[in-house]
Amino acid sequence: MLSAELSRNVARVSVGLAALLATSALFHALLPPMIPKGVAAKLRYFSEHKDEFDTVVVGTSQLYHSISPELFDATTRENGMPTRTFNFGIDGMHPPESFFVLDQILKTKPEKLKWVLLELGELRARGFDILGTQRAVYWHDWRRTELSLKKAWDPRGNAPWFIKVSRLWLARRDFISNLTLFGKQVANVGRVHDLLPAAERERYADAASELGPHGDGYRTAGNAMSAEKAASFQQRLAKEISGATQEYFDPTTEKGYRDAAARIRVAGATPVFVVTPVIFQKKTVFRQSPPAPVLVFNDARKYPQFYDPKIRIDDGHLTQTGAEDFCRALAREFVSRVGQP
């Protein structure tokens, strides 16, 4: 009798869970993804004006606060390859999040899109909560969650089997975090609140600031670092230069960028990868031929002008003067590398 009752209870719970999962899956399929504040304003604006642009810049704050579409387009025009650019840089938007946002851009089906400049950097498997719950949840579909899990399990991609086994324990917090965020994304946690008018207004409350003074997605970052920080920056930069090495991207990061490049091409555009002039001097390369041209600027020997503390805010960001110089250099290199037959 007890066994029969237990079986019935298990069956009821199983049916209830299956119904919950089915309902969640249905709502997840019917509802558009909830794009959070900080991303929503740019995506809405681009969706409404998508056919006005042929070039899109996608990446972190290092591109957001450096690439002025007005200046970039003027420079490409002067060098014989006119462009019409939108800056889709977002503060703190590293891969896999940048891959998800790229997909949302491509889903708008911009008819005139020719070029996508995508910031190149290591895929991340942790630290998502620093930007808030919504920013951490919305991009955690299975494709991006799988990338994060693989990165957490084997960060360099060359670990022997016994190290991988130990990583199941050592990286348990990363596994739990990513799977929890995936569960929230699939289960539509908080979606009722997100659909309320007040939540909608909050997502777009800072749209004017996020889009920048010219509405093209670009805005400046700040002032030059202090003398004390400049001294520290120069010391650390010297160590970076003397210890600079070349390494391969881990397989998970490489796969993410190869897939992104393929999706850009399917959309009828050409991918271009950009490495910004950050303090870190390590050169990271693809194991095989890169899936897109790579424009590399984290080389203080080749580009010393971008490492003058007078035009730097911190390790990764430039003042307006420095950003304008970098923007021109990027535009010229872009034309030189991809604009010539």
C-alpha atoms as a PDB file:
ATOM      1  CA  MET A   1       0.000   0.000   0.000  1.00  0.00           C
ATOM      2  CA  LEU A   2       2.771   2.408   0.961  1.00  0.00           C
ATOM      3  CA  SER A   3       4.656   1.630  -2.228  1.00  0.00           C
ATOM      4  CA  ALA A   4       1.552   2.226  -4.348  1.00  0.00           C
ATOM      5  CA  GLU A   5       0.864   5.558  -2.644  1.00  0.00           C
ATOM      6  CA  LEU A   6       4.475   6.635  -3.131  1.00  0.00           C
ATOM      7  CA  SER A   7       4.269   5.741  -6.806  1.00  0.00           C
ATOM      8  CA  ARG A   8       1.111   7.807  -7.226  1.00  0.00           C
ATOM      9  CA  ASN A   9       2.736  10.798  -5.509  1.00  0.00           C
ATOM     10  CA  VAL A  10       5.802  10.532  -7.703  1.00  0.00           C
ATOM     11  CA  ALA A  11       3.575  10.329 -10.765  1.00  0.00           C
ATOM     12  CA  ARG A  12       1.622  13.436  -9.709  1.00  0.00           C
ATOM     13  CA  VAL A  13       4.821  15.396  -9.112  1.00  0.00           C
ATOM     14  CA  SER A  14       6.226  14.246 -12.447  1.00  0.00           C
ATOM     15  CA  VAL A  15       3.073  15.282 -14.292  1.00  0.00           C
ATOM     16  CA  GLY A  16       3.059  18.650 -12.537  1.00  0.00           C
ATOM     17  CA  LEU A  17       6.720  19.240 -13.342  1.00  0.00           C
ATOM     18  CA  ALA A  18       6.201  18.222 -16.952  1.00  0.00           C
ATOM     19  CA  ALA A  19       3.257  20.623 -17.223  1.00  0.00           C
ATOM     20  CA  LEU A  20       5.319  23.427 -15.718  1.00  0.00           C
ATOM     21  CA  LEU A  21       8.197  22.798 -18.102  1.00  0.00           C
ATOM     22  CA  ALA A  22       5.849  22.586 -21.084  1.00  0.00           C
ATOM     23  CA  THR A  23       4.131  25.844 -20.115  1.00  0.00           C
ATOM     24  CA  SER A  24       7.467  27.578 -19.591  1.00  0.00           C
ATOM     25  CA  ALA A  25       8.724  26.319 -22.943  1.00  0.00           C
ATOM     26  CA  LEU A  26       5.557  27.562 -24.667  1.00  0.00           C
ATOM     27  CA  PHE A  27       5.812  31.043 -23.166  1.00  0.00           C
ATOM     28  CA  HIS A  28       9.543  31.094 -23.886  1.00  0.00           C
ATOM     29  CA  ALA A  29       8.864  30.300 -27.546  1.00  0.00           C
ATOM     30  CA  LEU A  30       6.057  32.848 -27.904  1.00  0.00           C
ATOM     31  CA  LEU A  31       7.579  35.756 -26.011  1.00  0.00           C
ATOM     32  CA  PRO A  32      10.406  37.801 -27.508  1.00  0.00           C
ATOM     33  CA  PRO A  33      13.625  37.831 -25.464  1.00  0.00           C
ATOM     34  CA  MET A  34      13.615  40.364 -22.645  1.00  0.00           C
ATOM     35  CA  ILE A  35      16.394  42.788 -23.561  1.00  0.00           C
ATOM     36  CA  PRO A  36      17.577  44.647 -20.437  1.00  0.00           C
ATOM     37  CA  LYS A  37      18.415  48.249 -19.796  1.00  0.00           C
ATOM     38  CA  GLY A  38      21.746  49.193 -21.267  1.00  0.00           C
ATOM     39  CA  VAL A  39      21.100  47.086 -24.368  1.00  0.00           C
ATOM     40  CA  ALA A  40      17.401  47.646 -25.117  1.00  0.00           C
ATOM     41  CA  ALA A  41      17.684  51.274 -26.244  1.00  0.00           C
ATOM     42  CA  LYS A  42      20.357  50.525 -28.827  1.00  0.00           C
ATOM     43  CA  LEU A  43      18.564  47.475 -30.160  1.00  0.00           C
ATOM     44  CA  ARG A  44      15.271  49.337 -30.508  1.00  0.00           C
ATOM     45  CA  TYR A  45      16.928  52.288 -32.227  1.00  0.00           C
ATOM     46  CA  PHE A  46      18.854  50.034 -34.583  1.00  0.00           C
ATOM     47  CA  SER A  47      15.717  48.031 -35.384  1.00  0.00           C
ATOM     48  CA  GLU A  48      13.905  51.213 -36.324  1.00  0.00           C
ATOM     49  CA  HIS A  49      16.807  52.545 -38.449  1.00  0.00           C
ATOM     50  CA  LYS A  50      18.511  49.310 -39.539  1.00  0.00           C
ATOM     51  CA  ASP A  51      18.446  50.060 -43.250  1.00  0.00           C
ATOM     52  CA  GLU A  52      20.262  53.352 -42.755  1.00  0.00           C
ATOM     53  CA  PHE A  53      23.512  51.585 -41.788  1.00  0.00           C
ATOM     54  CA  ASP A  54      25.952  49.369 -43.661  1.00  0.00           C
ATOM     55  CA  THR A  55      28.486  48.980 -40.833  1.00  0.00           C
ATOM     56  CA  VAL A  56      27.954  47.953 -37.203  1.00  0.00           C
ATOM     57  CA  VAL A  57      30.518  47.970 -34.388  1.00  0.00           C
ATOM     58  CA  VAL A  58      29.842  45.377 -31.643  1.00  0.00           C
ATOM     59  CA  GLY A  59      31.804  45.029 -28.418  1.00  0.00           C
ATOM     60  CA  THR A  60      32.541  46.293 -24.928  1.00  0.00           C
ATOM     61  CA  SER A  61      32.921  49.798 -23.544  1.00  0.00           C
ATOM     62  CA  GLN A  62      36.358  49.881 -25.178  1.00  0.00           C
ATOM     63  CA  LEU A  63      34.634  50.275 -28.547  1.00  0.00           C
ATOM     64  CA  TYR A  64      31.514  51.983 -27.201  1.00  0.00           C
ATOM     65  CA  HIS A  65      33.560  54.938 -25.919  1.00  0.00           C
ATOM     66  CA  SER A  66      36.158  54.974 -28.705  1.00  0.00           C
ATOM     67  CA  ILE A  67      34.479  54.643 -32.089  1.00  0.00           C
ATOM     68  CA  SER A  68      32.619  57.729 -33.209  1.00  0.00           C
ATOM     69  CA  PRO A  69      30.583  56.714 -36.283  1.00  0.00           C
ATOM     70  CA  GLU A  70      30.764  60.292 -37.538  1.00  0.00           C
ATOM     71  CA  LEU A  71      34.568  60.296 -37.417  1.00  0.00           C
ATOM     72  CA  PHE A  72      34.912  56.687 -38.583  1.00  0.00           C
ATOM     73  CA  ASP A  73      32.719  57.354 -41.618  1.00  0.00           C
ATOM     74  CA  ALA A  74      34.541  60.575 -42.450  1.00  0.00           C
ATOM     75  CA  THR A  75      37.850  58.712 -42.383  1.00  0.00           C
ATOM     76  CA  THR A  76      36.673  55.803 -44.518  1.00  0.00           C
ATOM     77  CA  ARG A  77      35.175  58.275 -46.983  1.00  0.00           C
ATOM     78  CA  GLU A  78      38.473  60.171 -47.182  1.00  0.00           C
ATOM     79  CA  ASN A  79      40.211  56.885 -47.901  1.00  0.00           C
ATOM     80  CA  GLY A  80      37.901  55.897 -50.718  1.00  0.00           C
ATOM     81  CA  MET A  81      35.446  53.516 -49.031  1.00  0.00           C
ATOM     82  CA  PRO A  82      32.395  55.351 -47.651  1.00  0.00           C
ATOM     83  CA  THR A  83      30.531  53.727 -44.758  1.00  0.00           C
ATOM     84  CA  ARG A  84      27.486  54.481 -42.618  1.00  0.00           C
ATOM     85  CA  THR A  85      28.177  53.186 -39.138  1.00  0.00           C
ATOM     86  CA  PHE A  86      26.293  52.477 -35.924  1.00  0.00           C
ATOM     87  CA  ASN A  87      28.154  51.867 -32.662  1.00  0.00           C
ATOM     88  CA  PHE A  88      26.626  48.893 -30.816  1.00  0.00           C
ATOM     89  CA  GLY A  89      29.229  48.839 -28.075  1.00  0.00           C
ATOM     90  CA  ILE A  90      27.811  48.106 -24.618  1.00  0.00           C
ATOM     91  CA  ASP A  91      29.492  48.534 -21.235  1.00  0.00           C
ATOM     92  CA  GLY A  92      30.743  45.165 -20.003  1.00  0.00           C
ATOM     93  CA  MET A  93      29.512  43.187 -23.024  1.00  0.00           C
ATOM     94  CA  HIS A  94      32.003  40.359 -23.382  1.00  0.00           C
ATOM     95  CA  PRO A  95      31.359  37.053 -25.132  1.00  0.00           C
ATOM     96  CA  PRO A  96      29.149  35.011 -24.899  1.00  0.00           C
ATOM     97  CA  GLU A  97      26.815  38.000 -24.313  1.00  0.00           C
ATOM     98  CA  SER A  98      28.189  39.816 -27.356  1.00  0.00           C
ATOM     99  CA  PHE A  99      27.403  36.743 -29.499  1.00  0.00           C
ATOM    100  CA  PHE A 100      23.791  36.808 -28.304  1.00  0.00           C
ATOM    101  CA  VAL A 101      23.437  40.540 -29.008  1.00  0.00           C
ATOM    102  CA  LEU A 102      25.009  40.029 -32.427  1.00  0.00           C
ATOM    103  CA  ASP A 103      22.275  37.499 -33.184  1.00  0.00           C
ATOM    104  CA  GLN A 104      19.587  39.994 -32.133  1.00  0.00           C
ATOM    105  CA  ILE A 105      21.110  42.567 -34.504  1.00  0.00           C
ATOM    106  CA  LEU A 106      21.181  40.108 -37.392  1.00  0.00           C
ATOM    107  CA  LYS A 107      17.588  39.006 -36.691  1.00  0.00           C
ATOM    108  CA  THR A 108      16.415  42.510 -37.623  1.00  0.00           C
ATOM    109  CA  LYS A 109      17.562  41.643 -41.178  1.00  0.00           C
ATOM    110  CA  PRO A 110      19.279  44.930 -42.080  1.00  0.00           C
ATOM    111  CA  GLU A 111      19.172  45.008 -45.875  1.00  0.00           C
ATOM    112  CA  LYS A 112      22.218  47.218 -46.405  1.00  0.00           C
ATOM    113  CA  LEU A 113      24.537  45.643 -43.855  1.00  0.00           C
ATOM    114  CA  LYS A 114      28.008  45.037 -45.335  1.00  0.00           C
ATOM    115  CA  TRP A 115      30.404  44.992 -42.397  1.00  0.00           C
ATOM    116  CA  VAL A 116      30.337  43.910 -38.759  1.00  0.00           C
ATOM    117  CA  LEU A 117      33.322  44.932 -36.632  1.00  0.00           C
ATOM    118  CA  LEU A 118      33.281  42.554 -33.680  1.00  0.00           C
ATOM    119  CA  GLU A 119      35.590  43.039 -30.702  1.00  0.00           C
ATOM    120  CA  LEU A 120      37.878  40.054 -30.189  1.00  0.00           C
ATOM    121  CA  GLY A 121      38.542  38.776 -26.682  1.00  0.00           C
ATOM    122  CA  GLU A 122      38.465  35.744 -24.412  1.00  0.00           C
ATOM    123  CA  LEU A 123      35.079  34.196 -23.724  1.00  0.00           C
ATOM    124  CA  ARG A 124      34.029  34.474 -20.081  1.00  0.00           C
ATOM    125  CA  ALA A 125      32.397  31.898 -17.830  1.00  0.00           C
ATOM    126  CA  ARG A 126      31.900  33.920 -14.647  1.00  0.00           C
ATOM    127  CA  GLY A 127      31.325  37.364 -13.173  1.00  0.00           C
ATOM    128  CA  PHE A 128      28.034  37.992 -14.959  1.00  0.00           C
ATOM    129  CA  ASP A 129      26.153  39.106 -11.841  1.00  0.00           C
ATOM    130  CA  ILE A 130      28.273  42.243 -11.543  1.00  0.00           C
ATOM    131  CA  LEU A 131      26.027  43.879 -14.173  1.00  0.00           C
ATOM    132  CA  GLY A 132      22.774  42.879 -12.481  1.00  0.00           C
ATOM    133  CA  THR A 133      20.388  39.957 -12.723  1.00  0.00           C
ATOM    134  CA  GLN A 134      18.664  40.941 -15.977  1.00  0.00           C
ATOM    135  CA  ARG A 135      21.959  41.431 -17.818  1.00  0.00           C
ATOM    136  CA  ALA A 136      23.105  38.039 -16.552  1.00  0.00           C
ATOM    137  CA  VAL A 137      19.932  36.135 -17.451  1.00  0.00           C
ATOM    138  CA  TYR A 138      18.717  37.390 -20.830  1.00  0.00           C
ATOM    139  CA  TRP A 139      21.493  35.961 -23.017  1.00  0.00           C
ATOM    140  CA  HIS A 140      21.700  32.586 -21.268  1.00  0.00           C
ATOM    141  CA  ASP A 141      20.021  30.515 -23.969  1.00  0.00           C
ATOM    142  CA  TRP A 142      21.436  27.035 -24.415  1.00  0.00           C
ATOM    143  CA  ARG A 143      23.902  27.985 -27.180  1.00  0.00           C
ATOM    144  CA  ARG A 144      25.592  30.617 -25.022  1.00  0.00           C
ATOM    145  CA  THR A 145      25.241  28.639 -21.773  1.00  0.00           C
ATOM    146  CA  GLU A 146      26.951  25.662 -23.384  1.00  0.00           C
ATOM    147  CA  LEU A 147      29.900  27.871 -24.326  1.00  0.00           C
ATOM    148  CA  SER A 148      30.204  29.140 -20.751  1.00  0.00           C
ATOM    149  CA  LEU A 149      30.032  25.607 -19.324  1.00  0.00           C
ATOM    150  CA  LYS A 150      32.718  24.336 -21.706  1.00  0.00           C
ATOM    151  CA  LYS A 151      34.940  27.274 -20.839  1.00  0.00           C
ATOM    152  CA  ALA A 152      34.496  26.648 -17.102  1.00  0.00           C
ATOM    153  CA  TRP A 153      35.224  22.932 -17.519  1.00  0.00           C
ATOM    154  CA  ASP A 154      38.383  23.351 -19.619  1.00  0.00           C
ATOM    155  CA  PRO A 155      39.537  26.995 -19.664  1.00  0.00           C
ATOM    156  CA  ARG A 156      42.544  26.447 -21.948  1.00  0.00           C
ATOM    157  CA  GLY A 157      41.162  23.553 -23.954  1.00  0.00           C
ATOM    158  CA  ASN A 158      44.116  21.242 -23.434  1.00  0.00           C
ATOM    159  CA  ALA A 159      43.555  19.744 -19.984  1.00  0.00           C
ATOM    160  CA  PRO A 160      44.087  15.972 -19.545  1.00  0.00           C
ATOM    161  CA  TRP A 161      41.134  13.860 -18.451  1.00  0.00           C
ATOM    162  CA  PHE A 162      42.037  13.818 -14.750  1.00  0.00           C
ATOM    163  CA  ILE A 163      42.193  17.628 -14.661  1.00  0.00           C
ATOM    164  CA  LYS A 164      38.795  17.801 -16.343  1.00  0.00           C
ATOM    165  CA  VAL A 165      37.411  15.485 -13.673  1.00  0.00           C
ATOM    166  CA  SER A 166      38.806  17.728 -10.923  1.00  0.00           C
ATOM    167  CA  ARG A 167      37.344  20.782 -12.673  1.00  0.00           C
ATOM    168  CA  LEU A 168      33.857  19.377 -12.065  1.00  0.00           C
ATOM    169  CA  TRP A 169      34.474  20.218  -8.414  1.00  0.00           C
ATOM    170  CA  LEU A 170      36.793  23.206  -8.700  1.00  0.00           C
ATOM    171  CA  ALA A 171      34.494  25.039 -11.120  1.00  0.00           C
ATOM    172  CA  ARG A 172      31.249  23.930  -9.472  1.00  0.00           C
ATOM    173  CA  ARG A 173      30.205  27.506  -8.667  1.00  0.00           C
ATOM    174  CA  ASP A 174      30.569  28.481 -12.329  1.00  0.00           C
ATOM    175  CA  PHE A 175      28.558  25.442 -13.427  1.00  0.00           C
ATOM    176  CA  ILE A 176      25.816  26.154 -10.898  1.00  0.00           C
ATOM    177  CA  SER A 177      25.726  29.854 -11.741  1.00  0.00           C
ATOM    178  CA  ASN A 178      25.434  29.321 -15.501  1.00  0.00           C
ATOM    179  CA  LEU A 179      22.868  26.532 -15.210  1.00  0.00           C
ATOM    180  CA  THR A 180      20.805  28.602 -12.782  1.00  0.00           C
ATOM    181  CA  LEU A 181      20.826  31.565 -15.155  1.00  0.00           C
ATOM    182  CA  PHE A 182      19.869  29.267 -18.020  1.00  0.00           C
ATOM    183  CA  GLY A 183      16.999  27.902 -15.936  1.00  0.00           C
ATOM    184  CA  LYS A 184      15.754  31.403 -15.177  1.00  0.00           C
ATOM    185  CA  GLN A 185      15.951  32.354 -18.843  1.00  0.00           C
ATOM    186  CA  VAL A 186      14.004  29.301 -20.006  1.00  0.00           C
ATOM    187  CA  ALA A 187      11.493  29.456 -17.144  1.00  0.00           C
ATOM    188  CA  ASN A 188      10.752  33.133 -17.908  1.00  0.00           C
ATOM    189  CA  VAL A 189      11.466  34.165 -14.323  1.00  0.00           C
ATOM    190  CA  GLY A 190      10.304  37.745 -13.793  1.00  0.00           C
ATOM    191  CA  ARG A 191       8.769  38.081 -17.255  1.00  0.00           C
ATOM    192  CA  VAL A 192       5.374  39.215 -15.924  1.00  0.00           C
ATOM    193  CA  HIS A 193       7.040  42.172 -14.223  1.00  0.00           C
ATOM    194  CA  ASP A 194       9.125  42.874 -17.328  1.00  0.00           C
ATOM    195  CA  LEU A 195       5.961  43.241 -19.412  1.00  0.00           C
ATOM    196  CA  LEU A 196       4.502  45.950 -17.169  1.00  0.00           C
ATOM    197  CA  PRO A 197       4.574  49.529 -18.521  1.00  0.00           C
ATOM    198  CA  ALA A 198       6.713  50.728 -15.609  1.00  0.00           C
ATOM    199  CA  ALA A 199       9.394  48.140 -16.368  1.00  0.00           C
ATOM    200  CA  GLU A 200       9.280  49.077 -20.034  1.00  0.00           C
ATOM    201  CA  ARG A 201       9.792  52.755 -19.194  1.00  0.00           C
ATOM    202  CA  GLU A 202      12.699  51.901 -16.903  1.00  0.00           C
ATOM    203  CA  ARG A 203      14.493  49.951 -19.639  1.00  0.00           C
ATOM    204  CA  TYR A 204      14.494  52.995 -21.895  1.00  0.00           C
ATOM    205  CA  ALA A 205      14.842  55.701 -19.233  1.00  0.00           C
ATOM    206  CA  ASP A 206      18.456  56.490 -20.185  1.00  0.00           C
ATOM    207  CA  ALA A 207      18.095  55.907 -23.917  1.00  0.00           C
ATOM    208  CA  ALA A 208      19.289  59.383 -24.890  1.00  0.00           C
ATOM    209  CA  SER A 209      22.452  59.008 -22.822  1.00  0.00           C
ATOM    210  CA  GLU A 210      23.135  55.445 -24.006  1.00  0.00           C
ATOM    211  CA  LEU A 211      22.751  56.424 -27.659  1.00  0.00           C
ATOM    212  CA  GLY A 212      25.077  59.386 -27.246  1.00  0.00           C
ATOM    213  CA  PRO A 213      24.704  63.030 -28.276  1.00  0.00           C
ATOM    214  CA  HIS A 214      24.448  62.193 -31.992  1.00  0.00           C
ATOM    215  CA  GLY A 215      22.176  59.168 -31.592  1.00  0.00           C
ATOM    216  CA  ASP A 216      24.738  56.898 -33.264  1.00  0.00           C
ATOM    217  CA  GLY A 217      25.622  54.793 -30.205  1.00  0.00           C
ATOM    218  CA  TYR A 218      28.858  56.590 -29.290  1.00  0.00           C
ATOM    219  CA  ARG A 219      29.682  58.653 -26.235  1.00  0.00           C
ATOM    220  CA  THR A 220      32.943  59.660 -24.593  1.00  0.00           C
ATOM    221  CA  ALA A 221      34.169  58.019 -21.383  1.00  0.00           C
ATOM    222  CA  GLY A 222      36.053  60.453 -19.147  1.00  0.00           C
ATOM    223  CA  ASN A 223      39.242  62.285 -18.277  1.00  0.00           C
ATOM    224  CA  ALA A 224      42.877  61.216 -18.254  1.00  0.00           C
ATOM    225  CA  MET A 225      44.233  59.218 -15.335  1.00  0.00           C
ATOM    226  CA  SER A 226      45.938  60.940 -12.413  1.00  0.00           C
ATOM    227  CA  ALA A 227      49.725  61.250 -12.151  1.00  0.00           C
ATOM    228  CA  GLU A 228      49.809  58.510  -9.527  1.00  0.00           C
ATOM    229  CA  LYS A 229      47.799  56.132 -11.707  1.00  0.00           C
ATOM    230  CA  ALA A 230      49.902  57.097 -14.726  1.00  0.00           C
ATOM    231  CA  ALA A 231      53.084  56.001 -12.954  1.00  0.00           C
ATOM    232  CA  SER A 232      51.520  52.663 -12.057  1.00  0.00           C
ATOM    233  CA  PHE A 233      50.211  52.259 -15.602  1.00  0.00           C
ATOM    234  CA  GLN A 234      53.645  52.830 -17.118  1.00  0.00           C
ATOM    235  CA  GLN A 235      55.280  50.326 -14.774  1.00  0.00           C
ATOM    236  CA  ARG A 236      52.723  47.640 -15.528  1.00  0.00           C
ATOM    237  CA  LEU A 237      52.868  48.392 -19.254  1.00  0.00           C
ATOM    238  CA  ALA A 238      56.657  47.942 -19.227  1.00  0.00           C
ATOM    239  CA  LYS A 239      56.188  44.495 -17.656  1.00  0.00           C
ATOM    240  CA  GLU A 240      53.555  43.625 -20.222  1.00  0.00           C
ATOM    241  CA  ILE A 241      55.825  44.631 -23.092  1.00  0.00           C
ATOM    242  CA  SER A 242      58.842  42.726 -21.768  1.00  0.00           C
ATOM    243  CA  GLY A 243      56.787  39.615 -21.072  1.00  0.00           C
ATOM    244  CA  ALA A 244      54.574  39.665 -24.163  1.00  0.00           C
ATOM    245  CA  THR A 245      53.929  36.220 -25.630  1.00  0.00           C
ATOM    246  CA  GLN A 246      51.799  34.644 -28.306  1.00  0.00           C
ATOM    247  CA  GLU A 247      49.112  32.137 -27.329  1.00  0.00           C
ATOM    248  CA  TYR A 248      46.236  30.368 -28.994  1.00  0.00           C
ATOM    249  CA  PHE A 249      42.618  31.066 -28.190  1.00  0.00           C
ATOM    250  CA  ASP A 250      41.079  28.247 -26.215  1.00  0.00           C
ATOM    251  CA  PRO A 251      38.854  26.006 -28.398  1.00  0.00           C
ATOM    252  CA  THR A 252      35.614  27.305 -26.849  1.00  0.00           C
ATOM    253  CA  THR A 253      36.444  30.947 -27.559  1.00  0.00           C
ATOM    254  CA  GLU A 254      37.620  30.067 -31.051  1.00  0.00           C
ATOM    255  CA  LYS A 255      34.425  28.149 -31.794  1.00  0.00           C
ATOM    256  CA  GLY A 256      32.334  31.073 -30.559  1.00  0.00           C
ATOM    257  CA  TYR A 257      34.041  33.494 -32.937  1.00  0.00           C
ATOM    258  CA  ARG A 258      34.022  31.092 -35.870  1.00  0.00           C
ATOM    259  CA  ASP A 259      30.288  30.561 -35.407  1.00  0.00           C
ATOM    260  CA  ALA A 260      29.727  34.318 -35.106  1.00  0.00           C
ATOM    261  CA  ALA A 261      31.664  34.962 -38.314  1.00  0.00           C
ATOM    262  CA  ALA A 262      29.616  32.304 -40.105  1.00  0.00           C
ATOM    263  CA  ARG A 263      26.324  33.845 -38.977  1.00  0.00           C
ATOM    264  CA  ILE A 264      27.464  37.290 -40.130  1.00  0.00           C
ATOM    265  CA  ARG A 265      28.252  35.876 -43.563  1.00  0.00           C
ATOM    266  CA  VAL A 266      24.887  34.101 -43.749  1.00  0.00           C
ATOM    267  CA  ALA A 267      23.322  37.535 -43.155  1.00  0.00           C
ATOM    268  CA  GLY A 268      25.156  38.818 -46.232  1.00  0.00           C
ATOM    269  CA  ALA A 269      27.824  40.846 -44.415  1.00  0.00           C
ATOM    270  CA  THR A 270      31.558  40.502 -43.845  1.00  0.00           C
ATOM    271  CA  PRO A 271      32.990  40.032 -40.320  1.00  0.00           C
ATOM    272  CA  VAL A 272      36.043  41.927 -39.090  1.00  0.00           C
ATOM    273  CA  PHE A 273      37.595  41.303 -35.671  1.00  0.00           C
ATOM    274  CA  VAL A 274      39.102  44.136 -33.624  1.00  0.00           C
ATOM    275  CA  VAL A 275      41.555  44.010 -30.713  1.00  0.00           C
ATOM    276  CA  THR A 276      41.552  47.351 -28.895  1.00  0.00           C
ATOM    277  CA  PRO A 277      44.651  49.059 -27.400  1.00  0.00           C
ATOM    278  CA  VAL A 278      44.325  47.598 -23.903  1.00  0.00           C
ATOM    279  CA  ILE A 279      47.300  47.376 -21.555  1.00  0.00           C
ATOM    280  CA  PHE A 280      47.605  43.613 -22.010  1.00  0.00           C
ATOM    281  CA  GLN A 281      50.200  42.923 -24.698  1.00  0.00           C
ATOM    282  CA  LYS A 282      49.738  39.170 -25.128  1.00  0.00           C
ATOM    283  CA  LYS A 283      48.953  38.270 -28.729  1.00  0.00           C
ATOM    284  CA  THR A 284      46.199  35.674 -28.922  1.00  0.00           C
ATOM    285  CA  VAL A 285      45.698  33.974 -32.278  1.00  0.00           C
ATOM    286  CA  PHE A 286      43.490  31.345 -33.884  1.00  0.00           C
ATOM    287  CA  ARG A 287      44.879  27.835 -34.189  1.00  0.00           C
ATOM    288  CA  GLN A 288      44.053  27.776 -37.878  1.00  0.00           C
ATOM    289  CA  SER A 289      43.438  30.535 -40.371  1.00  0.00           C
ATOM    290  CA  PRO A 290      41.217  33.178 -38.727  1.00  0.00           C
ATOM    291  CA  PRO A 291      37.601  33.273 -39.918  1.00  0.00           C
ATOM    292  CA  ALA A 292      37.827  37.036 -40.503  1.00  0.00           C
ATOM    293  CA  PRO A 293      40.448  39.775 -40.832  1.00  0.00           C
ATOM    294  CA  VAL A 294      41.887  40.679 -37.414  1.00  0.00           C
ATOM    295  CA  LEU A 295      42.818  44.323 -36.740  1.00  0.00           C
ATOM    296  CA  VAL A 296      45.191  44.302 -33.757  1.00  0.00           C
ATOM    297  CA  PHE A 297      45.977  47.438 -31.732  1.00  0.00           C
ATOM    298  CA  ASN A 298      47.193  46.085 -28.370  1.00  0.00           C
ATOM    299  CA  ASP A 299      50.804  46.592 -29.406  1.00  0.00           C
ATOM    300  CA  ALA A 300      52.545  49.401 -27.542  1.00  0.00           C
ATOM    301  CA  ARG A 301      55.663  49.104 -29.690  1.00  0.00           C
ATOM    302  CA  LYS A 302      53.730  49.552 -32.921  1.00  0.00           C
ATOM    303  CA  TYR A 303      51.185  52.050 -31.563  1.00  0.00           C
ATOM    304  CA  PRO A 304      52.958  53.958 -28.765  1.00  0.00           C
ATOM    305  CA  GLN A 305      50.622  56.926 -29.267  1.00  0.00           C
ATOM    306  CA  PHE A 306      47.739  54.963 -27.720  1.00  0.00           C
ATOM    307  CA  TYR A 307      49.721  54.203 -24.559  1.00  0.00           C
ATOM    308  CA  ASP A 308      50.550  57.752 -23.511  1.00  0.00           C
ATOM    309  CA  PRO A 309      49.009  58.222 -20.020  1.00  0.00           C
ATOM    310  CA  LYS A 310      47.936  61.699 -21.072  1.00  0.00           C
ATOM    311  CA  ILE A 311      45.255  60.182 -23.328  1.00  0.00           C
ATOM    312  CA  ARG A 312      44.327  57.185 -21.181  1.00  0.00           C
ATOM    313  CA  ILE A 313      41.583  56.878 -18.585  1.00  0.00           C
ATOM    314  CA  ASP A 314      42.626  53.426 -17.369  1.00  0.00           C
ATOM    315  CA  ASP A 315      43.986  50.100 -18.630  1.00  0.00           C
ATOM    316  CA  GLY A 316      41.303  49.745 -21.282  1.00  0.00           C
ATOM    317  CA  HIS A 317      39.842  53.167 -22.081  1.00  0.00           C
ATOM    318  CA  LEU A 318      40.984  56.307 -23.871  1.00  0.00           C
ATOM    319  CA  THR A 319      40.102  59.951 -23.388  1.00  0.00           C
ATOM    320  CA  GLN A 320      38.197  61.709 -26.147  1.00  0.00           C
ATOM    321  CA  THR A 321      41.461  62.807 -27.792  1.00  0.00           C
ATOM    322  CA  GLY A 322      42.884  59.293 -27.628  1.00  0.00           C
ATOM    323  CA  ALA A 323      39.603  57.755 -28.778  1.00  0.00           C
ATOM    324  CA  GLU A 324      39.491  60.009 -31.827  1.00  0.00           C
ATOM    325  CA  ASP A 325      43.063  59.064 -32.772  1.00  0.00           C
ATOM    326  CA  PHE A 326      42.244  55.377 -32.352  1.00  0.00           C
ATOM    327  CA  CYS A 327      39.012  55.741 -34.317  1.00  0.00           C
ATOM    328  CA  ARG A 328      40.878  57.258 -37.275  1.00  0.00           C
ATOM    329  CA  ALA A 329      43.563  54.577 -37.106  1.00  0.00           C
ATOM    330  CA  LEU A 330      40.964  51.812 -37.000  1.00  0.00           C
ATOM    331  CA  ALA A 331      39.097  53.277 -39.968  1.00  0.00           C
ATOM    332  CA  ARG A 332      42.294  53.545 -42.020  1.00  0.00           C
ATOM    333  CA  GLU A 333      43.345  50.002 -41.143  1.00  0.00           C
ATOM    334  CA  PHE A 334      39.826  48.779 -41.919  1.00  0.00           C
ATOM    335  CA  VAL A 335      39.950  50.282 -45.396  1.00  0.00           C
ATOM    336  CA  SER A 336      43.487  49.040 -45.975  1.00  0.00           C
ATOM    337  CA  ARG A 337      42.773  45.454 -44.910  1.00  0.00           C
ATOM    338  CA  VAL A 338      39.256  44.813 -46.181  1.00  0.00           C
ATOM    339  CA  GLY A 339      38.440  47.584 -48.632  1.00  0.00           C
ATOM    340  CA  GLN A 340      40.996  46.722 -51.290  1.00  0.00           C
ATOM    341  CA  PRO A 341      40.232  44.165 -54.006  1.00  0.00           C
END
